[in-house]
Amino acid sequence: MVIVFGSINLDLSFSLPKIPAAGETVLGPAVRIAPGGKGANQAVAAARDGASVAMAGAIGNDPLGAGALALLQQAGVDLARVKQAEASTGCAAIAVDPVGHNAIAVGSGANLAVAAAQVEDALLGPAATLVLQMEVPGEETAALIARARARAARIILNLAPAAALPEAALRAVDVLVVNESEGAWLAGHLGCGASAAALRGRLGGPAVVLTRGEDGAEVAGKEGNWLEPARQVVAVDTTAAGDCFVGVLAGQLDQGRTLAAAVRRASAAAALCCTRAGSQGSIPLRAETDGFIEAG
């Protein structure tokens, strides 16, 4: 089973002629309201790609909570470990320009109440794949990594958005996923090069996957170092592509695929995600990713 420990949001997405600069107002035709949050996006991605998934997170005591959970429920994700907090449901405002680039502002709300204790020890065994990001309290993320390591679970950390964790927590994960800006931030924090190979060399244990958008993904692991090429598509909206990549990667590893095979499929699913508008709703189903891969 894939256990996702992380954020749950409701997204407000604005298609705009350009991303607003500081102090600037840019008008768009409408707003799209849909479920989001890195944790929830990754859970939906894994479930839509065929994995059995449980989500641990929090929503607020407000009307936004039900909407934030809608696509998790539709995807069949186990929500028994999602609690209701005395706070607002997490909310993101996403500005998307005509070529698919985005800028995102997030109000964390109930995500700040998420606690490692929501995931019981019995779930954290060798058959489990734990997926974590950085939109819930870092101390809770680090605590859950330590518990999962002690129980031999597979651990995938998406250090997004980039933020500090104890080096012991970074070293304890099996796979570390970062994008270029997150990788550069981590390299500066650790005092090493910003390539996947340099980060893995500095940390020692984890395989490192450094995603580079249309330039592919650098991978450094026990199998060696390589560049996984990106599939060339016309991007409409890149908002959930990174989360799609992580969720599909996790689901594939949980099903026993090699890191190389998992990265290859995750890259294809993320590329397909970029061809659709929206965040969580743009994540492809397993059959759609199969068809995209078969079409070459």
Protein backbone atom coordinates (compact mmCIF):
# COMPACT_ATOMS: atom_id res chain seq x y z
CA MET A 1 0.00 0.00 0.00
CA VAL A 2 1.02 3.61 -0.66
CA ILE A 3 0.53 5.87 2.38
CA VAL A 4 0.59 9.58 1.56
CA PHE A 5 1.26 11.93 4.47
CA GLY A 6 0.67 15.49 3.40
CA SER A 7 -1.44 18.43 2.39
CA ILE A 8 -5.02 18.67 1.19
CA ASN A 9 -6.17 21.92 -0.44
CA LEU A 10 -8.90 23.44 -2.52
CA ASP A 11 -7.35 25.21 -5.51
CA LEU A 12 -8.52 28.43 -7.16
CA SER A 13 -6.96 28.49 -10.65
CA PHE A 14 -6.84 31.61 -12.82
CA SER A 15 -5.95 31.44 -16.53
CA LEU A 16 -4.29 34.79 -17.21
CA PRO A 17 -2.54 36.50 -20.14
CA LYS A 18 0.57 36.69 -17.93
CA ILE A 19 1.70 36.00 -14.36
CA PRO A 20 1.15 39.17 -12.27
CA ALA A 21 4.22 41.07 -11.12
CA ALA A 22 4.43 42.61 -7.65
CA GLY A 23 1.70 45.20 -7.23
CA GLU A 24 0.06 44.33 -10.55
CA THR A 25 -3.53 43.22 -11.18
CA VAL A 26 -4.11 40.99 -14.21
CA LEU A 27 -7.66 40.14 -15.30
CA GLY A 28 -8.68 36.71 -16.54
CA PRO A 29 -11.98 35.37 -17.85
CA ALA A 30 -12.91 33.05 -14.95
CA VAL A 31 -11.76 31.03 -11.95
CA ARG A 32 -11.69 27.24 -11.77
CA ILE A 33 -12.25 25.70 -8.30
CA ALA A 34 -10.91 22.17 -7.82
CA PRO A 35 -9.21 19.89 -5.25
CA GLY A 36 -5.44 20.18 -4.85
CA GLY A 37 -2.56 20.13 -2.37
CA LYS A 38 0.67 18.24 -3.00
CA GLY A 39 -0.24 15.35 -0.73
CA ALA A 40 -3.72 14.88 -2.16
CA ASN A 41 -2.47 15.29 -5.73
CA GLN A 42 0.14 12.58 -5.22
CA ALA A 43 -2.39 10.27 -3.60
CA VAL A 44 -4.79 10.68 -6.52
CA ALA A 45 -1.96 10.11 -9.02
CA ALA A 46 -0.92 6.86 -7.37
CA ALA A 47 -4.52 5.64 -7.09
CA ARG A 48 -5.43 6.54 -10.68
CA ASP A 49 -2.36 4.60 -11.82
CA GLY A 50 -3.60 1.48 -10.05
CA ALA A 51 -2.06 1.58 -6.56
CA SER A 52 -3.87 0.96 -3.28
CA VAL A 53 -3.59 4.29 -1.42
CA ALA A 54 -4.29 5.70 2.03
CA MET A 55 -4.16 9.44 2.77
CA ALA A 56 -3.21 11.03 6.10
CA GLY A 57 -3.91 14.75 6.33
CA ALA A 58 -6.43 17.33 7.52
CA ILE A 59 -9.24 19.52 6.28
CA GLY A 60 -10.85 22.47 8.02
CA ASN A 61 -14.14 22.93 9.76
CA ASP A 62 -15.57 24.92 6.85
CA PRO A 63 -17.50 24.46 3.57
CA LEU A 64 -14.28 23.98 1.56
CA GLY A 65 -13.41 20.64 3.13
CA ALA A 66 -15.86 18.46 1.22
CA GLY A 67 -14.73 19.86 -2.11
CA ALA A 68 -11.08 19.29 -1.22
CA LEU A 69 -11.77 15.57 -0.69
CA ALA A 70 -13.96 14.98 -3.74
CA LEU A 71 -11.41 13.53 -6.17
CA LEU A 72 -9.64 11.54 -3.44
CA GLN A 73 -12.96 9.84 -2.76
CA GLN A 74 -13.61 9.35 -6.47
CA ALA A 75 -10.19 7.72 -6.89
CA GLY A 76 -10.89 5.24 -4.07
CA VAL A 77 -8.27 6.60 -1.65
CA ASP A 78 -8.70 5.45 1.99
CA LEU A 79 -9.50 8.63 3.96
CA ALA A 80 -9.79 7.10 7.43
CA ARG A 81 -6.63 9.00 8.49
CA VAL A 82 -7.86 12.43 7.36
CA LYS A 83 -8.96 14.51 10.34
CA GLN A 84 -11.02 17.68 10.65
CA ALA A 85 -9.12 20.52 12.30
CA GLU A 86 -10.33 23.73 13.91
CA ALA A 87 -8.86 25.80 11.09
CA SER A 88 -9.62 26.73 7.51
CA THR A 89 -9.16 24.11 4.82
CA GLY A 90 -5.88 24.66 2.96
CA CYS A 91 -6.34 26.81 -0.13
CA ALA A 92 -4.11 27.68 -3.09
CA ALA A 93 -4.45 30.50 -5.63
CA ILE A 94 -2.81 29.49 -8.93
CA ALA A 95 -2.06 31.89 -11.77
CA VAL A 96 -1.40 30.15 -15.11
CA ASP A 97 -0.10 31.92 -18.23
CA PRO A 98 -0.81 30.95 -21.88
CA VAL A 99 2.26 28.66 -22.14
CA GLY A 100 1.41 26.76 -18.95
CA HIS A 101 3.80 28.39 -16.49
CA ASN A 102 2.36 29.10 -13.07
CA ALA A 103 2.78 31.01 -9.82
CA ILE A 104 1.10 29.71 -6.65
CA ALA A 105 0.16 31.25 -3.31
CA VAL A 106 -0.94 28.86 -0.53
CA GLY A 107 -2.82 29.38 2.72
CA SER A 108 -1.87 26.32 4.76
CA GLY A 109 -4.78 26.30 7.21
CA ALA A 110 -5.60 22.80 8.46
CA ASN A 111 -2.42 21.41 6.90
CA LEU A 112 -0.51 22.88 9.84
CA ALA A 113 -2.46 20.54 12.16
CA VAL A 114 -1.34 17.33 10.43
CA ALA A 115 0.51 15.01 12.84
CA ALA A 116 2.66 11.90 12.42
CA ALA A 117 0.48 10.10 14.97
CA GLN A 118 -2.29 9.91 12.34
CA VAL A 119 -0.33 7.07 10.73
CA GLU A 120 -0.27 4.04 13.03
CA ASP A 121 2.82 1.83 13.43
CA ALA A 122 0.97 -1.22 12.11
CA LEU A 123 0.73 0.43 8.69
CA LEU A 124 4.48 1.10 8.46
CA GLY A 125 5.94 -2.27 7.52
CA PRO A 126 8.11 -3.60 4.69
CA ALA A 127 5.08 -3.82 2.39
CA ALA A 128 4.33 -0.10 2.75
CA THR A 129 5.48 2.83 0.61
CA LEU A 130 5.34 6.11 2.53
CA VAL A 131 5.19 9.33 0.49
CA LEU A 132 5.85 12.73 2.09
CA GLN A 133 6.18 16.36 0.96
CA MET A 134 6.84 19.67 2.73
CA GLU A 135 3.41 21.35 3.01
CA VAL A 136 2.76 20.02 6.53
CA PRO A 137 4.90 20.67 9.66
CA GLY A 138 8.50 19.59 9.08
CA GLU A 139 8.92 18.14 12.57
CA GLU A 140 5.98 15.80 11.96
CA THR A 141 7.42 14.77 8.60
CA ALA A 142 10.81 14.02 10.20
CA ALA A 143 9.18 12.07 13.03
CA LEU A 144 7.21 9.89 10.62
CA ILE A 145 10.30 9.24 8.48
CA ALA A 146 12.13 7.98 11.58
CA ARG A 147 9.27 5.66 12.54
CA ALA A 148 8.92 4.34 9.00
CA ARG A 149 12.68 3.70 8.71
CA ALA A 150 12.63 1.72 11.95
CA ARG A 151 9.89 -0.49 10.51
CA ALA A 152 11.55 -1.00 7.10
CA ALA A 153 8.93 0.82 5.01
CA ARG A 154 9.96 2.25 1.63
CA ILE A 155 10.14 6.05 2.01
CA ILE A 156 9.79 8.60 -0.81
CA LEU A 157 10.35 12.25 0.10
CA ASN A 158 9.42 15.03 -2.29
CA LEU A 159 11.25 18.02 -0.82
CA ALA A 160 8.65 20.45 -2.14
CA PRO A 161 8.46 23.25 -1.44
CA ALA A 162 12.14 23.30 -0.42
CA ALA A 163 12.52 23.56 3.35
CA ALA A 164 14.91 22.35 6.02
CA LEU A 165 14.73 18.86 7.49
CA PRO A 166 17.33 17.24 9.75
CA GLU A 167 20.04 15.63 7.67
CA ALA A 168 19.32 12.34 9.43
CA ALA A 169 15.80 12.43 7.99
CA LEU A 170 17.11 13.10 4.47
CA ARG A 171 19.57 10.23 4.76
CA ALA A 172 16.83 7.87 6.00
CA VAL A 173 14.65 8.04 2.88
CA ASP A 174 14.90 5.59 -0.02
CA VAL A 175 14.08 8.03 -2.83
CA LEU A 176 14.44 11.81 -2.75
CA VAL A 177 12.59 13.74 -5.47
CA VAL A 178 13.35 17.41 -6.17
CA ASN A 179 12.93 19.77 -9.10
CA GLU A 180 15.72 22.06 -10.30
CA SER A 181 15.03 24.92 -7.90
CA GLU A 182 14.54 22.58 -4.94
CA GLY A 183 17.71 20.69 -5.87
CA ALA A 184 19.68 23.95 -6.04
CA TRP A 185 18.30 25.02 -2.64
CA LEU A 186 19.20 21.66 -1.09
CA ALA A 187 22.68 21.71 -2.64
CA GLY A 188 23.30 25.12 -1.08
CA HIS A 189 21.99 23.87 2.25
CA LEU A 190 24.25 20.78 2.16
CA GLY A 191 27.28 22.42 0.54
CA CYS A 192 27.49 20.20 -2.54
CA GLY A 193 26.77 20.23 -6.27
CA ALA A 194 23.19 20.50 -7.48
CA SER A 195 23.14 17.42 -9.74
CA ALA A 196 21.31 14.24 -8.75
CA ALA A 197 24.64 12.41 -8.53
CA ALA A 198 26.20 15.10 -6.30
CA LEU A 199 23.20 15.16 -3.97
CA ARG A 200 23.21 11.37 -3.69
CA GLY A 201 26.96 11.38 -3.06
CA ARG A 202 26.53 13.91 -0.25
CA LEU A 203 23.60 12.15 1.40
CA GLY A 204 24.88 8.61 0.93
CA GLY A 205 21.76 6.50 1.06
CA PRO A 206 18.84 7.78 -1.01
CA ALA A 207 18.36 7.46 -4.71
CA VAL A 208 17.86 11.00 -6.05
CA VAL A 209 15.49 11.98 -8.85
CA LEU A 210 15.91 15.57 -10.04
CA THR A 211 13.14 16.60 -12.41
CA ARG A 212 13.96 19.21 -15.05
CA GLY A 213 10.64 19.72 -16.84
CA GLU A 214 10.97 19.49 -20.62
CA ASP A 215 14.66 18.58 -20.17
CA GLY A 216 13.82 15.28 -18.48
CA ALA A 217 14.88 13.87 -15.12
CA GLU A 218 18.34 13.18 -13.71
CA VAL A 219 18.42 9.94 -11.73
CA ALA A 220 21.16 8.71 -9.40
CA GLY A 221 20.68 5.38 -7.65
CA LYS A 222 22.09 1.94 -7.05
CA GLU A 223 21.42 1.09 -10.71
CA GLY A 224 23.67 3.98 -11.81
CA ASN A 225 23.20 7.54 -13.02
CA TRP A 226 21.21 8.52 -16.09
CA LEU A 227 19.02 11.15 -17.72
CA GLU A 228 15.45 10.08 -18.38
CA PRO A 229 14.27 12.11 -21.39
CA ALA A 230 11.00 13.98 -21.17
CA ARG A 231 8.18 13.24 -23.58
CA GLN A 232 7.65 16.20 -25.87
CA VAL A 233 4.14 17.64 -25.58
CA VAL A 234 2.41 20.99 -25.98
CA ALA A 235 2.00 22.13 -22.38
CA VAL A 236 -1.31 23.69 -21.36
CA ASP A 237 -0.84 23.75 -17.57
CA THR A 238 2.11 22.36 -15.57
CA THR A 239 0.47 22.84 -12.15
CA ALA A 240 0.16 19.21 -11.02
CA ALA A 241 2.83 17.62 -13.24
CA GLY A 242 5.40 17.26 -10.47
CA ASP A 243 2.87 15.73 -8.11
CA CYS A 244 1.67 13.38 -10.85
CA PHE A 245 5.28 12.27 -11.34
CA VAL A 246 5.80 11.55 -7.63
CA GLY A 247 2.50 9.71 -7.18
CA VAL A 248 2.98 7.46 -10.20
CA LEU A 249 6.62 6.83 -9.21
CA ALA A 250 5.48 5.77 -5.73
CA GLY A 251 2.74 3.51 -7.04
CA GLN A 252 5.08 1.80 -9.47
CA LEU A 253 7.77 1.20 -6.84
CA ASP A 254 5.10 -0.10 -4.46
CA GLN A 255 4.10 -2.62 -7.14
CA GLY A 256 7.68 -3.90 -7.39
CA ARG A 257 8.90 -2.04 -10.49
CA THR A 258 12.54 -1.02 -10.78
CA LEU A 259 13.46 2.61 -10.27
CA ALA A 260 14.22 2.95 -13.99
CA ALA A 261 10.83 1.55 -15.01
CA ALA A 262 9.04 3.66 -12.40
CA VAL A 263 10.75 6.87 -13.53
CA ARG A 264 9.97 6.10 -17.17
CA ARG A 265 6.25 5.67 -16.50
CA ALA A 266 6.11 8.64 -14.12
CA SER A 267 7.68 10.84 -16.80
CA ALA A 268 5.06 9.77 -19.33
CA ALA A 269 2.17 10.37 -16.92
CA ALA A 270 3.53 13.80 -15.96
CA ALA A 271 3.88 14.79 -19.62
CA LEU A 272 0.28 13.78 -20.29
CA CYS A 273 -0.81 15.76 -17.22
CA CYS A 274 0.79 18.90 -18.72
CA THR A 275 -1.52 18.72 -21.75
CA ARG A 276 -4.60 19.38 -19.59
CA ALA A 277 -5.79 22.39 -17.62
CA GLY A 278 -6.18 22.14 -13.86
CA SER A 279 -4.39 20.51 -10.96
CA GLN A 280 -5.70 17.27 -9.46
CA GLY A 281 -8.30 16.80 -12.20
CA SER A 282 -5.61 16.80 -14.90
CA ILE A 283 -3.89 13.68 -13.54
CA PRO A 284 -4.34 10.76 -15.98
CA LEU A 285 -5.94 7.39 -15.36
CA ARG A 286 -3.86 4.23 -15.75
CA ALA A 287 -5.42 3.36 -19.13
CA GLU A 288 -4.73 6.88 -20.42
CA THR A 289 -1.05 6.63 -19.48
CA ASP A 290 -0.89 3.15 -21.07
CA GLY A 291 -2.33 4.56 -24.29
CA PHE A 292 0.03 7.53 -24.26
CA ILE A 293 3.06 5.24 -23.83
CA GLU A 294 1.88 2.85 -26.53
CA ALA A 295 1.35 5.74 -28.94
CA GLY A 296 5.05 6.57 -28.55
